[in-house]
Amino acid sequence: MKTVPLRSFQEFLGGSARFSIPTDSSWRNRLLANLVYYQSNYFLIAICLFVLFGLQNPTSLLIGLGLTFIPVVLFMLADISPQTVRNPKFAVPVIIALSLLLLFSASYLLFFFIAASIPLLVVILHALLRQRNIKSKITKFIDSNRSMDNKTPMGYILEVLGFDARLLQIEFE
C-alpha cells in the first residue's frame, strides 16, 4: 500500500483553494477525486476531530466504542443454534437484558456516534465543495489504474465500498 503526502494548507484550505456547490453531473467525480488527492489531510482531520471528542469526554467515548464493537465481536464468535434462540427461556431474558443495557447506555452510544459522524461529515463536505485542480484529476486517474498492491489507503477503501474508480470519467473543467 502506498501512502500519499500531506498537501499544503495553502492548497487544502488557503488562498488557492476554490469552493463551490457541484452540479448534478460532477459531484461524484469531484468527491472521489478530492478523497483520493487529499486523503492524508482527510485522515489527519478525522483523527484530530475524533481525538478532540475523546478529550472532551473520554469515558463516554470508550464506553460507546465498547458498546458498539463488543456485540459485533460476540456475534461473530458465538456459536448459538437457531433452536436455542427460539427457546423462550433463552430469548426473553437475553432480550430484556440487552434492552436495559441499551436504555441505560443510550447517551454513551449517542456520544460515540456523534464523535464518529462529525469527522466524516467534515471530510465529505470539504471533498464535495472543494473544486478539483489539474493535480487532483491526474492523481485520481493514476490511483484508479494502479494494481491492488500499489493502491493508496483511500483507493483501497473506495474499492471496498464498491466504487469502481476505473469507470469514473476524468473531466477537465
Protein backbone atom coordinates (compact mmCIF):
# COMPACT_ATOMS: atom_id res chain seq x y z
CA MET A 1 0.00 0.00 0.00
CA LYS A 2 1.33 3.41 -0.97
CA THR A 3 0.95 6.49 1.22
CA VAL A 4 0.25 9.97 -0.09
CA PRO A 5 1.99 13.09 1.28
CA LEU A 6 0.09 15.76 3.17
CA ARG A 7 -0.99 18.59 0.91
CA SER A 8 -0.09 22.10 2.00
CA PHE A 9 -2.53 24.21 3.97
CA GLN A 10 -2.43 26.80 1.19
CA GLU A 11 -3.60 24.20 -1.31
CA PHE A 12 -6.05 22.48 1.04
CA LEU A 13 -7.86 25.48 2.56
CA GLY A 14 -5.80 28.56 1.75
CA GLY A 15 -5.92 31.19 -0.96
CA SER A 16 -5.56 28.85 -3.93
CA ALA A 17 -8.50 26.69 -2.78
CA ARG A 18 -11.77 27.32 -4.61
CA PHE A 19 -15.10 26.13 -3.26
CA SER A 20 -18.47 25.83 -4.97
CA ILE A 21 -21.57 23.68 -4.95
CA PRO A 22 -21.15 20.88 -7.52
CA THR A 23 -23.51 20.35 -10.42
CA ASP A 24 -25.63 17.23 -10.62
CA SER A 25 -23.26 15.59 -13.08
CA SER A 26 -19.94 16.43 -11.41
CA TRP A 27 -20.46 15.79 -7.71
CA ARG A 28 -19.41 12.12 -7.79
CA ASN A 29 -16.21 12.75 -9.74
CA ARG A 30 -15.37 15.75 -7.57
CA LEU A 31 -15.95 13.80 -4.37
CA LEU A 32 -13.84 10.82 -5.44
CA ALA A 33 -11.04 12.93 -6.92
CA ASN A 34 -10.74 15.02 -3.76
CA LEU A 35 -10.93 11.97 -1.49
CA VAL A 36 -8.01 10.40 -3.36
CA TYR A 37 -5.94 13.58 -3.73
CA TYR A 38 -6.34 14.97 -0.18
CA GLN A 39 -6.59 11.62 1.59
CA SER A 40 -3.72 12.24 4.02
CA ASN A 41 -5.25 15.58 5.01
CA TYR A 42 -8.65 13.96 5.46
CA PHE A 43 -7.28 11.13 7.62
CA LEU A 44 -5.43 13.68 9.76
CA ILE A 45 -8.53 15.88 10.17
CA ALA A 46 -10.74 12.89 11.03
CA ILE A 47 -8.27 11.59 13.62
CA CYS A 48 -7.81 15.06 15.18
CA LEU A 49 -11.56 15.64 15.45
CA PHE A 50 -12.12 12.17 16.92
CA VAL A 51 -9.34 12.77 19.47
CA LEU A 52 -10.87 16.16 20.37
CA PHE A 53 -14.17 14.43 21.08
CA GLY A 54 -12.27 11.85 23.11
CA LEU A 55 -10.55 14.55 25.15
CA GLN A 56 -13.89 16.22 25.81
CA ASN A 57 -15.43 13.11 27.36
CA PRO A 58 -13.12 10.06 27.23
CA THR A 59 -15.26 7.71 29.32
CA SER A 60 -18.34 8.23 27.15
CA LEU A 61 -16.31 7.69 24.00
CA LEU A 62 -14.65 4.50 25.27
CA ILE A 63 -17.88 3.06 26.68
CA GLY A 64 -19.71 3.89 23.44
CA LEU A 65 -16.90 2.31 21.43
CA GLY A 66 -17.08 -0.83 23.54
CA LEU A 67 -20.86 -0.99 23.39
CA THR A 68 -20.67 -0.68 19.62
CA PHE A 69 -18.00 -3.26 18.88
CA ILE A 70 -18.29 -5.85 21.66
CA PRO A 71 -21.69 -7.15 20.42
CA VAL A 72 -20.26 -7.43 16.91
CA VAL A 73 -17.31 -9.46 18.17
CA LEU A 74 -19.52 -11.64 20.38
CA PHE A 75 -21.90 -12.25 17.50
CA MET A 76 -19.01 -13.33 15.29
CA LEU A 77 -17.59 -15.63 17.98
CA ALA A 78 -20.87 -17.05 19.28
CA ASP A 79 -21.99 -20.45 18.14
CA ILE A 80 -25.65 -20.35 19.10
CA SER A 81 -28.00 -22.66 17.28
CA PRO A 82 -31.35 -21.40 15.94
CA GLN A 83 -33.18 -23.82 18.26
CA THR A 84 -31.57 -22.17 21.30
CA VAL A 85 -32.57 -18.71 20.13
CA ARG A 86 -36.20 -19.77 19.58
CA ASN A 87 -36.42 -21.14 23.13
CA PRO A 88 -38.30 -18.55 25.26
CA LYS A 89 -36.24 -19.47 28.34
CA PHE A 90 -33.18 -18.21 26.48
CA ALA A 91 -34.56 -15.47 24.25
CA VAL A 92 -36.72 -13.47 26.69
CA PRO A 93 -34.05 -12.85 29.37
CA VAL A 94 -31.46 -12.02 26.72
CA ILE A 95 -33.79 -9.54 25.01
CA ILE A 96 -34.70 -7.91 28.35
CA ALA A 97 -31.05 -7.64 29.39
CA LEU A 98 -29.99 -6.18 26.05
CA SER A 99 -32.90 -3.73 26.08
CA LEU A 100 -31.98 -2.49 29.57
CA LEU A 101 -28.32 -2.21 28.60
CA LEU A 102 -29.27 -0.21 25.52
CA LEU A 103 -31.62 2.01 27.53
CA PHE A 104 -29.02 2.84 30.20
CA SER A 105 -26.20 3.32 27.71
CA ALA A 106 -28.00 5.39 25.08
CA SER A 107 -26.09 8.57 25.97
CA TYR A 108 -22.73 6.79 25.55
CA LEU A 109 -23.77 5.37 22.21
CA LEU A 110 -25.09 8.73 21.03
CA PHE A 111 -21.83 10.46 22.00
CA PHE A 112 -19.77 7.82 20.19
CA PHE A 113 -21.87 8.01 17.03
CA ILE A 114 -21.68 11.81 17.01
CA ALA A 115 -17.91 11.65 17.58
CA ALA A 116 -17.59 9.26 14.64
CA SER A 117 -20.06 11.05 12.35
CA ILE A 118 -18.87 14.65 12.59
CA PRO A 119 -15.35 13.95 11.23
CA LEU A 120 -16.89 12.01 8.34
CA LEU A 121 -19.32 14.85 7.65
CA VAL A 122 -16.50 17.44 7.65
CA VAL A 123 -14.43 15.32 5.24
CA ILE A 124 -17.33 14.69 2.86
CA LEU A 125 -18.39 18.35 2.87
CA HIS A 126 -14.86 19.52 2.07
CA ALA A 127 -14.47 16.88 -0.65
CA LEU A 128 -17.78 17.88 -2.24
CA LEU A 129 -17.33 21.65 -2.09
CA ARG A 130 -13.61 21.86 -2.96
CA GLN A 131 -13.17 22.36 -6.70
CA ARG A 132 -10.70 20.00 -8.29
CA ASN A 133 -7.43 21.17 -9.73
CA ILE A 134 -5.42 19.53 -12.50
CA LYS A 135 -3.17 17.73 -10.00
CA SER A 136 -6.12 16.09 -8.26
CA LYS A 137 -7.59 14.90 -11.57
CA ILE A 138 -4.30 13.35 -12.63
CA THR A 139 -3.77 11.76 -9.20
CA LYS A 140 -7.26 10.20 -9.27
CA PHE A 141 -6.61 8.82 -12.75
CA ILE A 142 -3.27 7.31 -11.69
CA ASP A 143 -4.71 5.83 -8.47
CA SER A 144 -7.65 4.28 -10.32
CA ASN A 145 -5.31 2.43 -12.68
CA ARG A 146 -2.91 1.08 -10.03
CA SER A 147 -2.65 -2.56 -9.10
CA MET A 148 -4.05 -3.55 -5.69
CA ASP A 149 -0.52 -3.81 -4.23
CA ASN A 150 0.23 -0.21 -5.17
CA LYS A 151 -3.08 1.40 -4.15
CA THR A 152 -3.33 4.20 -1.64
CA PRO A 153 -5.40 3.71 1.55
CA MET A 154 -8.29 5.82 0.23
CA GLY A 155 -8.22 3.98 -3.11
CA TYR A 156 -8.48 0.70 -1.23
CA ILE A 157 -11.34 1.98 0.98
CA LEU A 158 -13.27 3.29 -2.03
CA GLU A 159 -12.82 -0.02 -3.83
CA VAL A 160 -14.02 -1.97 -0.77
CA LEU A 161 -17.09 0.31 -0.62
CA GLY A 162 -17.90 -0.60 -4.22
CA PHE A 163 -16.68 2.43 -6.15
CA ASP A 164 -15.03 1.24 -9.34
CA ALA A 165 -12.61 4.08 -9.95
CA ARG A 166 -11.74 2.79 -13.43
CA LEU A 167 -15.26 3.63 -14.63
CA LEU A 168 -15.07 7.24 -13.48
CA GLN A 169 -14.66 9.87 -16.11
CA ILE A 170 -11.75 12.27 -15.92
CA GLU A 171 -13.17 15.68 -16.70
CA PHE A 172 -11.04 18.75 -17.23
CA GLU A 173 -13.14 21.77 -16.27
